[in-house]
C-alpha atoms as a PDB file:
ATOM      1  CA  UNK A   1      -4.944 -16.151  -0.019  1.00  0.00           C
ATOM      2  CA  UNK A   2      -1.508 -14.554   0.118  1.00  0.00           C
ATOM      3  CA  UNK A   3      -0.531 -11.663   2.390  1.00  0.00           C
ATOM      4  CA  UNK A   4       0.103  -8.284   0.746  1.00  0.00           C
ATOM      5  CA  UNK A   5       2.563  -5.829   2.293  1.00  0.00           C
ATOM      6  CA  UNK A   6       2.002  -2.286   1.048  1.00  0.00           C
ATOM      7  CA  UNK A   7       5.128  -0.183   1.434  1.00  0.00           C
ATOM      8  CA  UNK A   8       4.996   3.563   0.947  1.00  0.00           C
ATOM      9  CA  UNK A   9       8.175   5.111  -0.455  1.00  0.00           C
ATOM     10  CA  UNK A  10      10.468   7.066   1.864  1.00  0.00           C
ATOM     11  CA  UNK A  11      10.280  10.828   2.309  1.00  0.00           C
ATOM     12  CA  UNK A  12      11.058  12.875  -0.792  1.00  0.00           C
ATOM     13  CA  UNK A  13      12.350  16.365  -1.402  1.00  0.00           C
ATOM     14  CA  UNK A  14       8.766  17.369  -2.314  1.00  0.00           C
ATOM     15  CA  UNK A  15       7.412  15.945   0.955  1.00  0.00           C
ATOM     16  CA  UNK A  16      10.003  17.925   2.887  1.00  0.00           C
ATOM     17  CA  UNK A  17       9.230  21.138   0.995  1.00  0.00           C
ATOM     18  CA  UNK A  18       5.449  20.833   1.352  1.00  0.00           C
ATOM     19  CA  UNK A  19       4.823  20.276  -2.336  1.00  0.00           C
ATOM     20  CA  UNK A  20       2.647  17.861  -4.303  1.00  0.00           C
ATOM     21  CA  UNK A  21       4.997  15.715  -6.352  1.00  0.00           C
ATOM     22  CA  UNK A  22       2.429  13.738  -8.287  1.00  0.00           C
ATOM     23  CA  UNK A  23       4.137  11.909 -11.121  1.00  0.00           C
ATOM     24  CA  UNK A  24       7.150  14.186 -11.256  1.00  0.00           C
ATOM     25  CA  UNK A  25      10.537  12.435 -10.912  1.00  0.00           C
ATOM     26  CA  UNK A  26      11.257  13.629  -7.387  1.00  0.00           C
ATOM     27  CA  UNK A  27      13.744  11.566  -5.414  1.00  0.00           C
ATOM     28  CA  UNK A  28      14.236  10.567  -1.810  1.00  0.00           C
ATOM     29  CA  UNK A  29      15.912  13.063   0.474  1.00  0.00           C
ATOM     30  CA  UNK A  30      18.416  12.048   3.153  1.00  0.00           C
ATOM     31  CA  UNK A  31      15.636  11.289   5.625  1.00  0.00           C
ATOM     32  CA  UNK A  32      13.829   9.187   3.039  1.00  0.00           C
ATOM     33  CA  UNK A  33      16.960   7.204   2.301  1.00  0.00           C
ATOM     34  CA  UNK A  34      17.421   6.523   5.999  1.00  0.00           C
ATOM     35  CA  UNK A  35      13.776   5.467   6.261  1.00  0.00           C
ATOM     36  CA  UNK A  36      14.201   3.077   3.343  1.00  0.00           C
ATOM     37  CA  UNK A  37      17.251   1.527   4.974  1.00  0.00           C
ATOM     38  CA  UNK A  38      15.419   1.145   8.271  1.00  0.00           C
ATOM     39  CA  UNK A  39      12.375  -0.536   6.770  1.00  0.00           C
ATOM     40  CA  UNK A  40      14.739  -2.809   4.884  1.00  0.00           C
ATOM     41  CA  UNK A  41      16.094  -4.052   8.199  1.00  0.00           C
ATOM     42  CA  UNK A  42      12.540  -4.902   9.226  1.00  0.00           C
ATOM     43  CA  UNK A  43      11.735  -6.624   5.935  1.00  0.00           C
ATOM     44  CA  UNK A  44      14.979  -8.603   5.902  1.00  0.00           C
ATOM     45  CA  UNK A  45      14.360 -12.300   6.269  1.00  0.00           C
ATOM     46  CA  UNK A  46      10.744 -12.230   5.138  1.00  0.00           C
ATOM     47  CA  UNK A  47      10.121 -14.814   2.406  1.00  0.00           C
ATOM     48  CA  UNK A  48       8.762 -12.423  -0.224  1.00  0.00           C
ATOM     49  CA  UNK A  49       7.340 -14.316  -3.171  1.00  0.00           C
ATOM     50  CA  UNK A  50       7.094 -11.194  -5.329  1.00  0.00           C
ATOM     51  CA  UNK A  51       8.069  -7.520  -5.163  1.00  0.00           C
ATOM     52  CA  UNK A  52       6.232  -5.050  -7.387  1.00  0.00           C
ATOM     53  CA  UNK A  53       6.514  -1.293  -7.608  1.00  0.00           C
ATOM     54  CA  UNK A  54       5.113   1.903  -8.977  1.00  0.00           C
ATOM     55  CA  UNK A  55       7.237   3.037 -11.928  1.00  0.00           C
ATOM     56  CA  UNK A  56       8.162   6.330 -10.248  1.00  0.00           C
ATOM     57  CA  UNK A  57      11.766   6.757  -9.149  1.00  0.00           C
ATOM     58  CA  UNK A  58      11.034   7.418  -5.480  1.00  0.00           C
ATOM     59  CA  UNK A  59       9.519   3.937  -5.136  1.00  0.00           C
ATOM     60  CA  UNK A  60      12.315   2.285  -7.084  1.00  0.00           C
ATOM     61  CA  UNK A  61      14.913   4.076  -4.930  1.00  0.00           C
ATOM     62  CA  UNK A  62      13.132   2.919  -1.780  1.00  0.00           C
ATOM     63  CA  UNK A  63      13.308  -0.705  -2.892  1.00  0.00           C
ATOM     64  CA  UNK A  64      16.925  -0.411  -4.010  1.00  0.00           C
ATOM     65  CA  UNK A  65      17.832   0.635  -0.478  1.00  0.00           C
ATOM     66  CA  UNK A  66      15.378  -1.562   1.428  1.00  0.00           C
ATOM     67  CA  UNK A  67      15.605  -4.767  -0.619  1.00  0.00           C
ATOM     68  CA  UNK A  68      18.813  -4.591  -2.669  1.00  0.00           C
ATOM     69  CA  UNK A  69      18.646  -8.300  -3.526  1.00  0.00           C
ATOM     70  CA  UNK A  70      15.115  -8.071  -4.944  1.00  0.00           C
ATOM     71  CA  UNK A  71      14.208  -7.657  -8.595  1.00  0.00           C
ATOM     72  CA  UNK A  72      11.035  -5.545  -8.494  1.00  0.00           C
ATOM     73  CA  UNK A  73       8.473  -5.780 -11.268  1.00  0.00           C
ATOM     74  CA  UNK A  74       7.030  -2.446 -12.389  1.00  0.00           C
ATOM     75  CA  UNK A  75       3.243  -2.270 -12.107  1.00  0.00           C
ATOM     76  CA  UNK A  76       1.722   0.801 -13.775  1.00  0.00           C
ATOM     77  CA  UNK A  77      -1.474   0.365 -11.770  1.00  0.00           C
ATOM     78  CA  UNK A  78       0.423   1.402  -8.641  1.00  0.00           C
ATOM     79  CA  UNK A  79       1.572   4.767 -10.002  1.00  0.00           C
ATOM     80  CA  UNK A  80       0.705   7.939  -8.089  1.00  0.00           C
ATOM     81  CA  UNK A  81      -2.609   9.639  -8.750  1.00  0.00           C
ATOM     82  CA  UNK A  82      -2.429  11.870 -11.810  1.00  0.00           C
ATOM     83  CA  UNK A  83      -2.831  15.277 -10.185  1.00  0.00           C
ATOM     84  CA  UNK A  84      -2.433  17.061 -13.513  1.00  0.00           C
ATOM     85  CA  UNK A  85      -2.036  20.834 -13.155  1.00  0.00           C
ATOM     86  CA  UNK A  86      -1.719  20.435  -9.376  1.00  0.00           C
ATOM     87  CA  UNK A  87       1.616  18.628  -9.669  1.00  0.00           C
ATOM     88  CA  UNK A  88       4.612  20.557  -8.401  1.00  0.00           C
ATOM     89  CA  UNK A  89       2.447  23.093  -6.569  1.00  0.00           C
ATOM     90  CA  UNK A  90       2.827  23.935  -2.860  1.00  0.00           C
ATOM     91  CA  UNK A  91       0.111  22.366  -0.734  1.00  0.00           C
ATOM     92  CA  UNK A  92      -0.542  25.678   1.008  1.00  0.00           C
ATOM     93  CA  UNK A  93      -1.399  27.194  -2.374  1.00  0.00           C
ATOM     94  CA  UNK A  94      -3.564  24.249  -3.411  1.00  0.00           C
ATOM     95  CA  UNK A  95      -5.504  24.531  -0.153  1.00  0.00           C
ATOM     96  CA  UNK A  96      -6.989  27.770  -1.531  1.00  0.00           C
ATOM     97  CA  UNK A  97      -8.357  26.082  -4.673  1.00  0.00           C
ATOM     98  CA  UNK A  98     -12.094  25.405  -5.005  1.00  0.00           C
ATOM     99  CA  UNK A  99     -11.322  21.738  -5.600  1.00  0.00           C
ATOM    100  CA  UNK A 100      -9.490  21.374  -2.280  1.00  0.00           C
ATOM    101  CA  UNK A 101     -12.582  20.845  -0.060  1.00  0.00           C
ATOM    102  CA  UNK A 102     -13.890  18.326  -2.596  1.00  0.00           C
ATOM    103  CA  UNK A 103     -10.630  16.389  -2.325  1.00  0.00           C
ATOM    104  CA  UNK A 104     -10.926  16.502   1.458  1.00  0.00           C
ATOM    105  CA  UNK A 105     -14.632  15.784   1.926  1.00  0.00           C
ATOM    106  CA  UNK A 106     -15.903  14.166  -1.284  1.00  0.00           C
ATOM    107  CA  UNK A 107     -12.839  12.678  -2.993  1.00  0.00           C
ATOM    108  CA  UNK A 108     -14.894  10.251  -5.076  1.00  0.00           C
ATOM    109  CA  UNK A 109     -16.046  13.306  -7.053  1.00  0.00           C
ATOM    110  CA  UNK A 110     -12.608  14.920  -7.346  1.00  0.00           C
ATOM    111  CA  UNK A 111     -11.216  15.200 -10.876  1.00  0.00           C
ATOM    112  CA  UNK A 112      -7.870  16.973 -11.124  1.00  0.00           C
ATOM    113  CA  UNK A 113      -7.465  19.533 -13.914  1.00  0.00           C
ATOM    114  CA  UNK A 114      -5.657  17.875 -16.836  1.00  0.00           C
ATOM    115  CA  UNK A 115      -5.272  14.819 -14.634  1.00  0.00           C
ATOM    116  CA  UNK A 116      -6.983  11.773 -13.203  1.00  0.00           C
ATOM    117  CA  UNK A 117      -9.990  11.397 -10.941  1.00  0.00           C
ATOM    118  CA  UNK A 118      -9.506   9.892  -7.511  1.00  0.00           C
ATOM    119  CA  UNK A 119     -12.141   7.292  -8.371  1.00  0.00           C
ATOM    120  CA  UNK A 120     -10.075   6.223 -11.392  1.00  0.00           C
ATOM    121  CA  UNK A 121      -6.958   6.041  -9.257  1.00  0.00           C
ATOM    122  CA  UNK A 122      -8.716   3.866  -6.701  1.00  0.00           C
ATOM    123  CA  UNK A 123     -10.209   1.514  -9.270  1.00  0.00           C
ATOM    124  CA  UNK A 124      -6.981   0.800 -11.156  1.00  0.00           C
ATOM    125  CA  UNK A 125      -4.888   0.449  -7.971  1.00  0.00           C
ATOM    126  CA  UNK A 126      -7.331  -1.967  -6.343  1.00  0.00           C
ATOM    127  CA  UNK A 127      -7.600  -3.962  -9.566  1.00  0.00           C
ATOM    128  CA  UNK A 128      -3.806  -4.166  -9.778  1.00  0.00           C
ATOM    129  CA  UNK A 129      -3.216  -5.471  -6.256  1.00  0.00           C
ATOM    130  CA  UNK A 130      -6.099  -7.923  -6.407  1.00  0.00           C
ATOM    131  CA  UNK A 131      -4.818  -9.334  -9.712  1.00  0.00           C
ATOM    132  CA  UNK A 132      -1.286  -9.633  -8.330  1.00  0.00           C
ATOM    133  CA  UNK A 133      -2.560 -11.231  -5.130  1.00  0.00           C
ATOM    134  CA  UNK A 134      -4.475 -13.859  -7.092  1.00  0.00           C
ATOM    135  CA  UNK A 135      -1.387 -14.542  -9.214  1.00  0.00           C
ATOM    136  CA  UNK A 136       0.941 -14.878  -6.217  1.00  0.00           C
ATOM    137  CA  UNK A 137      -1.529 -17.157  -4.448  1.00  0.00           C
ATOM    138  CA  UNK A 138      -1.902 -19.367  -7.508  1.00  0.00           C
ATOM    139  CA  UNK A 139       1.864 -19.644  -8.002  1.00  0.00           C
ATOM    140  CA  UNK A 140       3.110 -19.783  -4.395  1.00  0.00           C
ATOM    141  CA  UNK A 141       0.155 -20.851  -2.280  1.00  0.00           C
ATOM    142  CA  UNK A 142      -2.046 -19.172   0.349  1.00  0.00           C
ATOM    143  CA  UNK A 143       0.805 -18.743   2.832  1.00  0.00           C
ATOM    144  CA  UNK A 144       2.848 -16.573   0.448  1.00  0.00           C
ATOM    145  CA  UNK A 145       3.841 -13.001   1.320  1.00  0.00           C
ATOM    146  CA  UNK A 146       4.448 -10.374  -1.345  1.00  0.00           C
ATOM    147  CA  UNK A 147       5.214  -6.663  -1.338  1.00  0.00           C
ATOM    148  CA  UNK A 148       4.034  -3.680  -3.370  1.00  0.00           C
ATOM    149  CA  UNK A 149       5.708  -0.257  -3.116  1.00  0.00           C
ATOM    150  CA  UNK A 150       3.459   2.674  -3.922  1.00  0.00           C
ATOM    151  CA  UNK A 151       2.237   6.111  -2.807  1.00  0.00           C
ATOM    152  CA  UNK A 152       0.210   7.590   0.032  1.00  0.00           C
ATOM    153  CA  UNK A 153      -3.136   8.198  -1.672  1.00  0.00           C
ATOM    154  CA  UNK A 154      -2.873   4.944  -3.606  1.00  0.00           C
ATOM    155  CA  UNK A 155      -2.277   2.932  -0.440  1.00  0.00           C
ATOM    156  CA  UNK A 156      -5.095   4.738   1.359  1.00  0.00           C
ATOM    157  CA  UNK A 157      -7.478   3.881  -1.491  1.00  0.00           C
ATOM    158  CA  UNK A 158      -6.474   0.213  -1.369  1.00  0.00           C
ATOM    159  CA  UNK A 159      -7.004   0.167   2.403  1.00  0.00           C
ATOM    160  CA  UNK A 160     -10.428   1.803   2.055  1.00  0.00           C
ATOM    161  CA  UNK A 161     -11.443  -0.919  -0.381  1.00  0.00           C
ATOM    162  CA  UNK A 162     -10.173  -3.612   1.983  1.00  0.00           C
ATOM    163  CA  UNK A 163     -12.180  -2.115   4.835  1.00  0.00           C
ATOM    164  CA  UNK A 164     -15.289  -1.899   2.659  1.00  0.00           C
ATOM    165  CA  UNK A 165     -15.637   1.841   3.219  1.00  0.00           C
ATOM    166  CA  UNK A 166     -16.521   4.454   0.623  1.00  0.00           C
ATOM    167  CA  UNK A 167     -13.705   6.351  -1.044  1.00  0.00           C
ATOM    168  CA  UNK A 168     -15.120   9.514   0.543  1.00  0.00           C
ATOM    169  CA  UNK A 169     -13.820   8.202   3.878  1.00  0.00           C
ATOM    170  CA  UNK A 170     -10.303   7.411   2.716  1.00  0.00           C
ATOM    171  CA  UNK A 171      -8.882  10.697   4.019  1.00  0.00           C
ATOM    172  CA  UNK A 172      -9.322   9.257   7.517  1.00  0.00           C
ATOM    173  CA  UNK A 173      -6.578   6.726   6.744  1.00  0.00           C
ATOM    174  CA  UNK A 174      -2.884   7.516   7.232  1.00  0.00           C
ATOM    175  CA  UNK A 175       0.047   6.053   5.272  1.00  0.00           C
ATOM    176  CA  UNK A 176       3.315   7.648   6.389  1.00  0.00           C
ATOM    177  CA  UNK A 177       6.582   7.504   4.414  1.00  0.00           C
ATOM    178  CA  UNK A 178       8.230   4.066   4.604  1.00  0.00           C
ATOM    179  CA  UNK A 179       5.252   2.626   6.486  1.00  0.00           C
ATOM    180  CA  UNK A 180       4.044  -0.938   6.013  1.00  0.00           C
ATOM    181  CA  UNK A 181       0.386  -1.891   5.728  1.00  0.00           C
ATOM    182  CA  UNK A 182      -0.665  -5.548   5.503  1.00  0.00           C
ATOM    183  CA  UNK A 183      -3.801  -6.910   3.861  1.00  0.00           C
ATOM    184  CA  UNK A 184      -4.872 -10.515   3.513  1.00  0.00           C
ATOM    185  CA  UNK A 185      -7.498 -11.159   0.844  1.00  0.00           C
ATOM    186  CA  UNK A 186      -9.829 -14.148   1.151  1.00  0.00           C
ATOM    187  CA  UNK A 187     -12.693 -15.427  -1.035  1.00  0.00           C
ATOM    188  CA  UNK A 188     -15.269 -13.629   1.113  1.00  0.00           C
ATOM    189  CA  UNK A 189     -13.550 -10.528   2.493  1.00  0.00           C
ATOM    190  CA  UNK A 190     -10.162  -8.862   2.917  1.00  0.00           C
ATOM    191  CA  UNK A 191      -8.624  -8.515   6.370  1.00  0.00           C
ATOM    192  CA  UNK A 192      -6.588  -5.443   7.292  1.00  0.00           C
ATOM    193  CA  UNK A 193      -3.831  -7.072   9.335  1.00  0.00           C
ATOM    194  CA  UNK A 194      -1.693  -3.993   9.986  1.00  0.00           C
ATOM    195  CA  UNK A 195      -1.922  -0.289   9.136  1.00  0.00           C
ATOM    196  CA  UNK A 196       0.749   2.425   8.845  1.00  0.00           C
ATOM    197  CA  UNK A 197       3.347   0.392  10.743  1.00  0.00           C
ATOM    198  CA  UNK A 198       6.586   2.358  11.026  1.00  0.00           C
ATOM    199  CA  UNK A 199       8.457   0.349  13.626  1.00  0.00           C
ATOM    200  CA  UNK A 200       6.928  -2.964  14.607  1.00  0.00           C
ATOM    201  CA  UNK A 201       8.200  -6.487  14.068  1.00  0.00           C
ATOM    202  CA  UNK A 202       7.093  -7.728  10.648  1.00  0.00           C
ATOM    203  CA  UNK A 203       7.967 -11.398  11.115  1.00  0.00           C
ATOM    204  CA  UNK A 204       4.567 -12.103  12.623  1.00  0.00           C
ATOM    205  CA  UNK A 205       2.941 -11.180   9.301  1.00  0.00           C
ATOM    206  CA  UNK A 206       4.190 -14.420   7.760  1.00  0.00           C
ATOM    207  CA  UNK A 207       1.333 -16.926   8.121  1.00  0.00           C
ATOM    208  CA  UNK A 208       2.250 -20.081  10.045  1.00  0.00           C
ATOM    209  CA  UNK A 209       2.116 -23.380   8.146  1.00  0.00           C
ATOM    210  CA  UNK A 210      -1.427 -24.616   7.803  1.00  0.00           C
ATOM    211  CA  UNK A 211      -2.336 -27.232  10.388  1.00  0.00           C
ATOM    212  CA  UNK A 212      -4.088 -30.364   9.235  1.00  0.00           C
ATOM    213  CA  UNK A 213      -7.494 -30.491  10.804  1.00  0.00           C
ATOM    214  CA  UNK A 214     -10.704 -32.210   9.935  1.00  0.00           C
ATOM    215  CA  UNK A 215     -12.510 -30.173   7.307  1.00  0.00           C
ATOM    216  CA  UNK A 216     -15.713 -30.219   9.329  1.00  0.00           C
ATOM    217  CA  UNK A 217     -14.087 -28.420  12.253  1.00  0.00           C
ATOM    218  CA  UNK A 218     -11.883 -25.984  10.314  1.00  0.00           C
ATOM    219  CA  UNK A 219     -13.192 -22.398  10.008  1.00  0.00           C
ATOM    220  CA  UNK A 220     -13.371 -21.051   6.481  1.00  0.00           C
ATOM    221  CA  UNK A 221     -10.471 -18.826   5.429  1.00  0.00           C
ATOM    222  CA  UNK A 222     -12.853 -15.870   5.178  1.00  0.00           C
ATOM    223  CA  UNK A 223     -14.246 -16.316   8.700  1.00  0.00           C
ATOM    224  CA  UNK A 224     -13.293 -13.749  11.328  1.00  0.00           C
ATOM    225  CA  UNK A 225     -12.024 -15.077  14.650  1.00  0.00           C
ATOM    226  CA  UNK A 226     -14.930 -14.726  17.071  1.00  0.00           C
ATOM    227  CA  UNK A 227     -13.641 -13.046  20.228  1.00  0.00           C
ATOM    228  CA  UNK A 228     -10.530 -11.766  18.467  1.00  0.00           C
ATOM    229  CA  UNK A 229      -8.528 -14.964  18.147  1.00  0.00           C
ATOM    230  CA  UNK A 230      -5.020 -15.736  19.383  1.00  0.00           C
ATOM    231  CA  UNK A 231      -3.127 -13.598  16.869  1.00  0.00           C
ATOM    232  CA  UNK A 232      -0.437 -14.586  14.396  1.00  0.00           C
ATOM    233  CA  UNK A 233       1.314 -16.978  16.777  1.00  0.00           C
ATOM    234  CA  UNK A 234      -1.825 -18.756  17.900  1.00  0.00           C
END
């Protein structure tokens, strides 16, 4: 299957002020714009078969700066969690709410007032990336690489699904602004190839051309490399 690169948007004015932006039209601040430019340098040269994005402006701005030649496709399934009445509130104030410990310790049960549940967010985001991954693979082959720009909690939920862990554990995962996370889906299991990468070389995420080997001796695409394998260049 194809390789998915999950890109979180750059830092926003809400991030800098300690607020919860949610689906509000907050934009990148100067640091976020610099982060988007920097990740663009790392993404430059990668043969991206598709670029999709959350509809929110902070993701679209990130891609405009990082991949100015791309034509992103808006995917509503990648939009930020609907935090409802929590949106626009300072995090230090929200930390005093009765729902806060539920969000931290039992997020699968968290339903935001006048908003979305975290379980709903996870389900629609995972469904969106899996559908896109199947489409990219069908159209461009199993060695294709594609990119999706989204939000912190959304990316963490997608990673939790890829790891096969319960949503209640997703707060253990980190997705920093302008970080890249790579997932490769296969018929049997997903592989988390890279997590929260904010500075490494991304060229190694492009799968090498498939080598022709006898079918009887070739491991299945879903098989893990016993002993760890030789890495992307092996």
